[in-house]
Amino acid sequence: MKTVILDNPGQFQLAETEPPAGPLPGQAVVRVRRVGICGTDIHAFKGDQPFFSYPRILGHELGVEVVSVASIESGLQAGDRCAVEPYLNCGACIACRRGRPNCCVELKCLGVHTDGGMRELITVPAAKLHRSRALTLEQLALVETLGIGAHAVDRASLAPGEFALVIGAGPIGLAVIQFAQLAGARVVVTDVNEDRLNFCHDQFKIDLTVPAGKDSAARILELTSGDMPTAVFDATGNRQSMIQAFDLVAHSGRLILVGLMLGDVSFHDPDAHRRELTLLCSRNSTPANFARIISLMESGQINTMPWITHRVSLAAMIDAFPSWLDPKTKVIKAMVEVDGV
């Protein structure tokens, strides 16, 4: 079967690999139809993704079709369209026992710690498949991205009417924006890319946008009537942005680090203590997030179709991928059509 392998940073190859054998108990073999490209894949290509080793088959944002299942207990059958929850957890560690499988001690994420879905067929635990009879394969491939934002907003426990600042309007930031809006927050968005701020205004009706720069803190202070936001989400994965985010949180507020980077983040302790700042890290999402997001998408409360700005086949992705690192290409979400190999 056709498989794209990231051999080393900046080096993809299209290879022929063996298809998976029939599923074992608790497993399903699925045909990968769509793969969304996210910041994790970009960082892996650049060589600065944490928890990563080479060679690796990327792909964790997956829209798939069930080929076969080992037993009927799963409720799945051949032909079912599903989103894949790509977080393989142990079920026994302290995090799993506390209902937090998204940060399992032994967590392996498809396409990051173990090989993912940039291939025609893959075997996954049946319990990690979330079926929808209404959503398209492209929509299903976007569920995981939305889950990152949903979980981050859950972590923040947003209250209706409070100011929530989202730093970074890439796909993860957009997911945070959508769920912050659903929670009733007054959302402010800042980004270095004016095109992305315009996208937020046009697609999500965000009126409070602030170009990132030396005057952004003063503008955010003005927009919040001198208070600063009580919830600040950093979705950039950029060290300098994450450090500066500490200074944008209101007294008694909280900072939620959603983006991930390879390195240390420091802050000035007296300032953090003076404001009694709460720091939260948000990792992945939960099974409940997947179920809720699919329901919201099916009911039309969440529309992600404007996100997909670029579509390519699996083979064509190899040449197209480097261009997506350039902001001039205006990529919001690239979608790989595996059935168009």
Foldseek 3Di string as FASTA:
>chain_A
DWAWKQAQQQDIDTDDDDADDQDDAQKFKKFWFKFWDDPQNVCRNRVWHPQADPTAGAGQLTWIFTCDHPDCVLVDDGGFIWAFQFKDADCDDPCNVVVNRLPHPPIDGDRGNHHHDRAGMDMDRSVRTGTDPQDDSVVSSCLQLLQLLLQLCVVQVDAAAFEEEEEDQASNSVSVVLVCVVNNYLYAYEYCDVVSVVCCCVPVVRPHYAYDDDCRLVSQCVVNVNFAGQEYEYAPQDQVVLACVLVRHGQNHEYEYSHHTPDDHDYDVVSCVVSVYHYHYGGGHHPVSSVVVVVCVSVPVDDCVVQADAEEESVVCSVVVVVVVDCVVVHRMYMYGPVVD
